[in-house]
Amino acid sequence: MTNRIAVYLGAFLIGMILLDILVFGTEHIVFLTKKLLELIEWMAFWR
C-alpha cells in the first residue's frame, strides 16, 4: 500500500465516521467500538 492510498483511505474512514456522527449521533460509534474491542480480545484468545 502506498502512502497516497493510505492517506485517501484514512480520510475516507474519518469522513464516514464524521458523517455517521452528524446523522445518527454517537451511540452507534460507542456500540461498535465496544464490539470491536470484544472481537479483538476473542481473536487474541485464539492466537
PDB file of N, CA and C in Angstrom:
ATOM      1  N   MET A   1       0.849  -1.161   0.000  1.00  0.00           N
ATOM      2  CA  MET A   1       0.000   0.000   0.000  1.00  0.00           C
ATOM      3  C   MET A   1       0.901   1.232   0.000  1.00  0.00           C
ATOM      4  N   THR A   2       0.632   2.110  -0.909  1.00  0.00           N
ATOM      5  CA  THR A   2       1.423   3.330  -0.985  1.00  0.00           C
ATOM      6  C   THR A   2       0.908   4.354   0.025  1.00  0.00           C
ATOM      7  N   ASN A   3       1.710   5.365   0.264  1.00  0.00           N
ATOM      8  CA  ASN A   3       1.300   6.421   1.190  1.00  0.00           C
ATOM      9  C   ASN A   3       0.064   7.155   0.691  1.00  0.00           C
ATOM     10  N   ARG A   4      -0.023   7.346  -0.604  1.00  0.00           N
ATOM     11  CA  ARG A   4      -1.156   8.064  -1.187  1.00  0.00           C
ATOM     12  C   ARG A   4      -2.459   7.295  -0.933  1.00  0.00           C
ATOM     13  N   ILE A   5      -2.444   5.990  -1.138  1.00  0.00           N
ATOM     14  CA  ILE A   5      -3.629   5.173  -0.904  1.00  0.00           C
ATOM     15  C   ILE A   5      -3.992   5.183   0.579  1.00  0.00           C
ATOM     16  N   ALA A   6      -2.992   5.092   1.451  1.00  0.00           N
ATOM     17  CA  ALA A   6      -3.238   5.103   2.894  1.00  0.00           C
ATOM     18  C   ALA A   6      -3.873   6.414   3.334  1.00  0.00           C
ATOM     19  N   VAL A   7      -3.414   7.528   2.788  1.00  0.00           N
ATOM     20  CA  VAL A   7      -3.979   8.833   3.148  1.00  0.00           C
ATOM     21  C   VAL A   7      -5.423   8.927   2.675  1.00  0.00           C
ATOM     22  N   TYR A   8      -5.700   8.516   1.447  1.00  0.00           N
ATOM     23  CA  TYR A   8      -7.072   8.554   0.939  1.00  0.00           C
ATOM     24  C   TYR A   8      -7.993   7.638   1.739  1.00  0.00           C
ATOM     25  N   LEU A   9      -7.516   6.457   2.063  1.00  0.00           N
ATOM     26  CA  LEU A   9      -8.324   5.519   2.840  1.00  0.00           C
ATOM     27  C   LEU A   9      -8.592   6.072   4.234  1.00  0.00           C
ATOM     28  N   GLY A  10      -7.577   6.632   4.872  1.00  0.00           N
ATOM     29  CA  GLY A  10      -7.754   7.238   6.188  1.00  0.00           C
ATOM     30  C   GLY A  10      -8.719   8.408   6.154  1.00  0.00           C
ATOM     31  N   ALA A  11      -8.601   9.267   5.153  1.00  0.00           N
ATOM     32  CA  ALA A  11      -9.510  10.407   5.016  1.00  0.00           C
ATOM     33  C   ALA A  11     -10.937   9.928   4.773  1.00  0.00           C
ATOM     34  N   PHE A  12     -11.089   8.881   3.978  1.00  0.00           N
ATOM     35  CA  PHE A  12     -12.423   8.334   3.717  1.00  0.00           C
ATOM     36  C   PHE A  12     -13.047   7.787   4.998  1.00  0.00           C
ATOM     37  N   LEU A  13     -12.274   7.026   5.767  1.00  0.00           N
ATOM     38  CA  LEU A  13     -12.800   6.453   7.004  1.00  0.00           C
ATOM     39  C   LEU A  13     -13.176   7.538   8.012  1.00  0.00           C
ATOM     40  N   ILE A  14     -12.328   8.531   8.162  1.00  0.00           N
ATOM     41  CA  ILE A  14     -12.634   9.628   9.081  1.00  0.00           C
ATOM     42  C   ILE A  14     -13.868  10.384   8.610  1.00  0.00           C
ATOM     43  N   GLY A  15     -13.980  10.607   7.320  1.00  0.00           N
ATOM     44  CA  GLY A  15     -15.157  11.277   6.763  1.00  0.00           C
ATOM     45  C   GLY A  15     -16.432  10.483   7.010  1.00  0.00           C
ATOM     46  N   MET A  16     -16.376   9.178   6.838  1.00  0.00           N
ATOM     47  CA  MET A  16     -17.560   8.352   7.067  1.00  0.00           C
ATOM     48  C   MET A  16     -17.954   8.328   8.543  1.00  0.00           C
ATOM     49  N   ILE A  17     -16.963   8.310   9.422  1.00  0.00           N
ATOM     50  CA  ILE A  17     -17.254   8.340  10.859  1.00  0.00           C
ATOM     51  C   ILE A  17     -17.893   9.675  11.232  1.00  0.00           C
ATOM     52  N   LEU A  18     -17.356  10.770  10.706  1.00  0.00           N
ATOM     53  CA  LEU A  18     -17.934  12.084  10.990  1.00  0.00           C
ATOM     54  C   LEU A  18     -19.350  12.200  10.440  1.00  0.00           C
ATOM     55  N   LEU A  19     -19.587  11.668   9.255  1.00  0.00           N
ATOM     56  CA  LEU A  19     -20.932  11.683   8.684  1.00  0.00           C
ATOM     57  C   LEU A  19     -21.894  10.871   9.543  1.00  0.00           C
ATOM     58  N   ASP A  20     -21.460   9.724  10.027  1.00  0.00           N
ATOM     59  CA  ASP A  20     -22.294   8.895  10.891  1.00  0.00           C
ATOM     60  C   ASP A  20     -22.629   9.631  12.179  1.00  0.00           C
ATOM     61  N   ILE A  21     -21.647  10.309  12.750  1.00  0.00           N
ATOM     62  CA  ILE A  21     -21.888  11.064  13.988  1.00  0.00           C
ATOM     63  C   ILE A  21     -22.868  12.203  13.735  1.00  0.00           C
ATOM     64  N   LEU A  22     -22.729  12.900  12.628  1.00  0.00           N
ATOM     65  CA  LEU A  22     -23.630  14.018  12.323  1.00  0.00           C
ATOM     66  C   LEU A  22     -25.058  13.554  12.067  1.00  0.00           C
ATOM     67  N   VAL A  23     -25.214  12.428  11.396  1.00  0.00           N
ATOM     68  CA  VAL A  23     -26.551  11.956  11.022  1.00  0.00           C
ATOM     69  C   VAL A  23     -27.217  11.186  12.156  1.00  0.00           C
ATOM     70  N   PHE A  24     -26.500  10.270  12.796  1.00  0.00           N
ATOM     71  CA  PHE A  24     -27.121   9.357  13.756  1.00  0.00           C
ATOM     72  C   PHE A  24     -26.744   9.612  15.210  1.00  0.00           C
ATOM     73  N   GLY A  25     -25.724  10.388  15.468  1.00  0.00           N
ATOM     74  CA  GLY A  25     -25.281  10.602  16.838  1.00  0.00           C
ATOM     75  C   GLY A  25     -24.128   9.676  17.181  1.00  0.00           C
ATOM     76  N   THR A  26     -23.725   9.706  18.448  1.00  0.00           N
ATOM     77  CA  THR A  26     -22.529   8.962  18.839  1.00  0.00           C
ATOM     78  C   THR A  26     -22.822   7.583  19.417  1.00  0.00           C
ATOM     79  N   GLU A  27     -24.084   7.231  19.594  1.00  0.00           N
ATOM     80  CA  GLU A  27     -24.406   5.935  20.204  1.00  0.00           C
ATOM     81  C   GLU A  27     -23.891   4.772  19.368  1.00  0.00           C
ATOM     82  N   HIS A  28     -23.959   4.884  18.055  1.00  0.00           N
ATOM     83  CA  HIS A  28     -23.511   3.800  17.182  1.00  0.00           C
ATOM     84  C   HIS A  28     -22.007   3.588  17.286  1.00  0.00           C
ATOM     85  N   ILE A  29     -21.264   4.673  17.352  1.00  0.00           N
ATOM     86  CA  ILE A  29     -19.810   4.576  17.412  1.00  0.00           C
ATOM     87  C   ILE A  29     -19.378   3.903  18.711  1.00  0.00           C
ATOM     88  N   VAL A  30     -20.025   4.255  19.818  1.00  0.00           N
ATOM     89  CA  VAL A  30     -19.685   3.642  21.108  1.00  0.00           C
ATOM     90  C   VAL A  30     -19.981   2.147  21.068  1.00  0.00           C
ATOM     91  N   PHE A  31     -21.144   1.763  20.540  1.00  0.00           N
ATOM     92  CA  PHE A  31     -21.520   0.357  20.444  1.00  0.00           C
ATOM     93  C   PHE A  31     -20.527  -0.416  19.570  1.00  0.00           C
ATOM     94  N   LEU A  32     -20.218   0.140  18.412  1.00  0.00           N
ATOM     95  CA  LEU A  32     -19.301  -0.548  17.507  1.00  0.00           C
ATOM     96  C   LEU A  32     -17.898  -0.651  18.084  1.00  0.00           C
ATOM     97  N   THR A  33     -17.464   0.365  18.818  1.00  0.00           N
ATOM     98  CA  THR A  33     -16.149   0.309  19.450  1.00  0.00           C
ATOM     99  C   THR A  33     -16.094  -0.786  20.502  1.00  0.00           C
ATOM    100  N   LYS A  34     -17.158  -0.904  21.303  1.00  0.00           N
ATOM    101  CA  LYS A  34     -17.198  -1.964  22.313  1.00  0.00           C
ATOM    102  C   LYS A  34     -17.163  -3.335  21.657  1.00  0.00           C
ATOM    103  N   LYS A  35     -17.932  -3.528  20.597  1.00  0.00           N
ATOM    104  CA  LYS A  35     -17.954  -4.810  19.900  1.00  0.00           C
ATOM    105  C   LYS A  35     -16.610  -5.104  19.234  1.00  0.00           C
ATOM    106  N   LEU A  36     -15.952  -4.080  18.696  1.00  0.00           N
ATOM    107  CA  LEU A  36     -14.643  -4.276  18.083  1.00  0.00           C
ATOM    108  C   LEU A  36     -13.622  -4.702  19.129  1.00  0.00           C
ATOM    109  N   LEU A  37     -13.665  -4.100  20.305  1.00  0.00           N
ATOM    110  CA  LEU A  37     -12.742  -4.487  21.371  1.00  0.00           C
ATOM    111  C   LEU A  37     -12.995  -5.921  21.837  1.00  0.00           C
ATOM    112  N   GLU A  38     -14.264  -6.323  21.894  1.00  0.00           N
ATOM    113  CA  GLU A  38     -14.586  -7.713  22.234  1.00  0.00           C
ATOM    114  C   GLU A  38     -14.046  -8.672  21.177  1.00  0.00           C
ATOM    115  N   LEU A  39     -14.176  -8.296  19.907  1.00  0.00           N
ATOM    116  CA  LEU A  39     -13.677  -9.136  18.816  1.00  0.00           C
ATOM    117  C   LEU A  39     -12.162  -9.261  18.887  1.00  0.00           C
ATOM    118  N   ILE A  40     -11.476  -8.167  19.166  1.00  0.00           N
ATOM    119  CA  ILE A  40     -10.012  -8.209  19.275  1.00  0.00           C
ATOM    120  C   ILE A  40      -9.592  -9.111  20.427  1.00  0.00           C
ATOM    121  N   GLU A  41     -10.303  -9.006  21.553  1.00  0.00           N
ATOM    122  CA  GLU A  41      -9.996  -9.871  22.689  1.00  0.00           C
ATOM    123  C   GLU A  41     -10.221 -11.336  22.330  1.00  0.00           C
ATOM    124  N   TRP A  42     -11.303 -11.632  21.647  1.00  0.00           N
ATOM    125  CA  TRP A  42     -11.618 -13.013  21.253  1.00  0.00           C
ATOM    126  C   TRP A  42     -10.582 -13.538  20.272  1.00  0.00           C
ATOM    127  N   MET A  43     -10.155 -12.695  19.333  1.00  0.00           N
ATOM    128  CA  MET A  43      -9.141 -13.121  18.363  1.00  0.00           C
ATOM    129  C   MET A  43      -7.807 -13.362  19.053  1.00  0.00           C
ATOM    130  N   ALA A  44      -7.471 -12.576  20.049  1.00  0.00           N
ATOM    131  CA  ALA A  44      -6.219 -12.753  20.784  1.00  0.00           C
ATOM    132  C   ALA A  44      -6.229 -14.080  21.544  1.00  0.00           C
ATOM    133  N   PHE A  45      -7.403 -14.510  22.006  1.00  0.00           N
ATOM    134  CA  PHE A  45      -7.518 -15.779  22.686  1.00  0.00           C
ATOM    135  C   PHE A  45      -7.155 -16.924  21.756  1.00  0.00           C
ATOM    136  N   TRP A  46      -7.571 -16.868  20.512  1.00  0.00           N
ATOM    137  CA  TRP A  46      -7.315 -17.945  19.561  1.00  0.00           C
ATOM    138  C   TRP A  46      -5.921 -17.874  18.940  1.00  0.00           C
ATOM    139  N   ARG A  47      -5.219 -16.848  19.206  1.00  0.00           N
ATOM    140  CA  ARG A  47      -3.871 -16.693  18.658  1.00  0.00           C
ATOM    141  C   ARG A  47      -2.931 -17.565  19.333  1.00  0.00           C
TER     142      ARG A  47
END
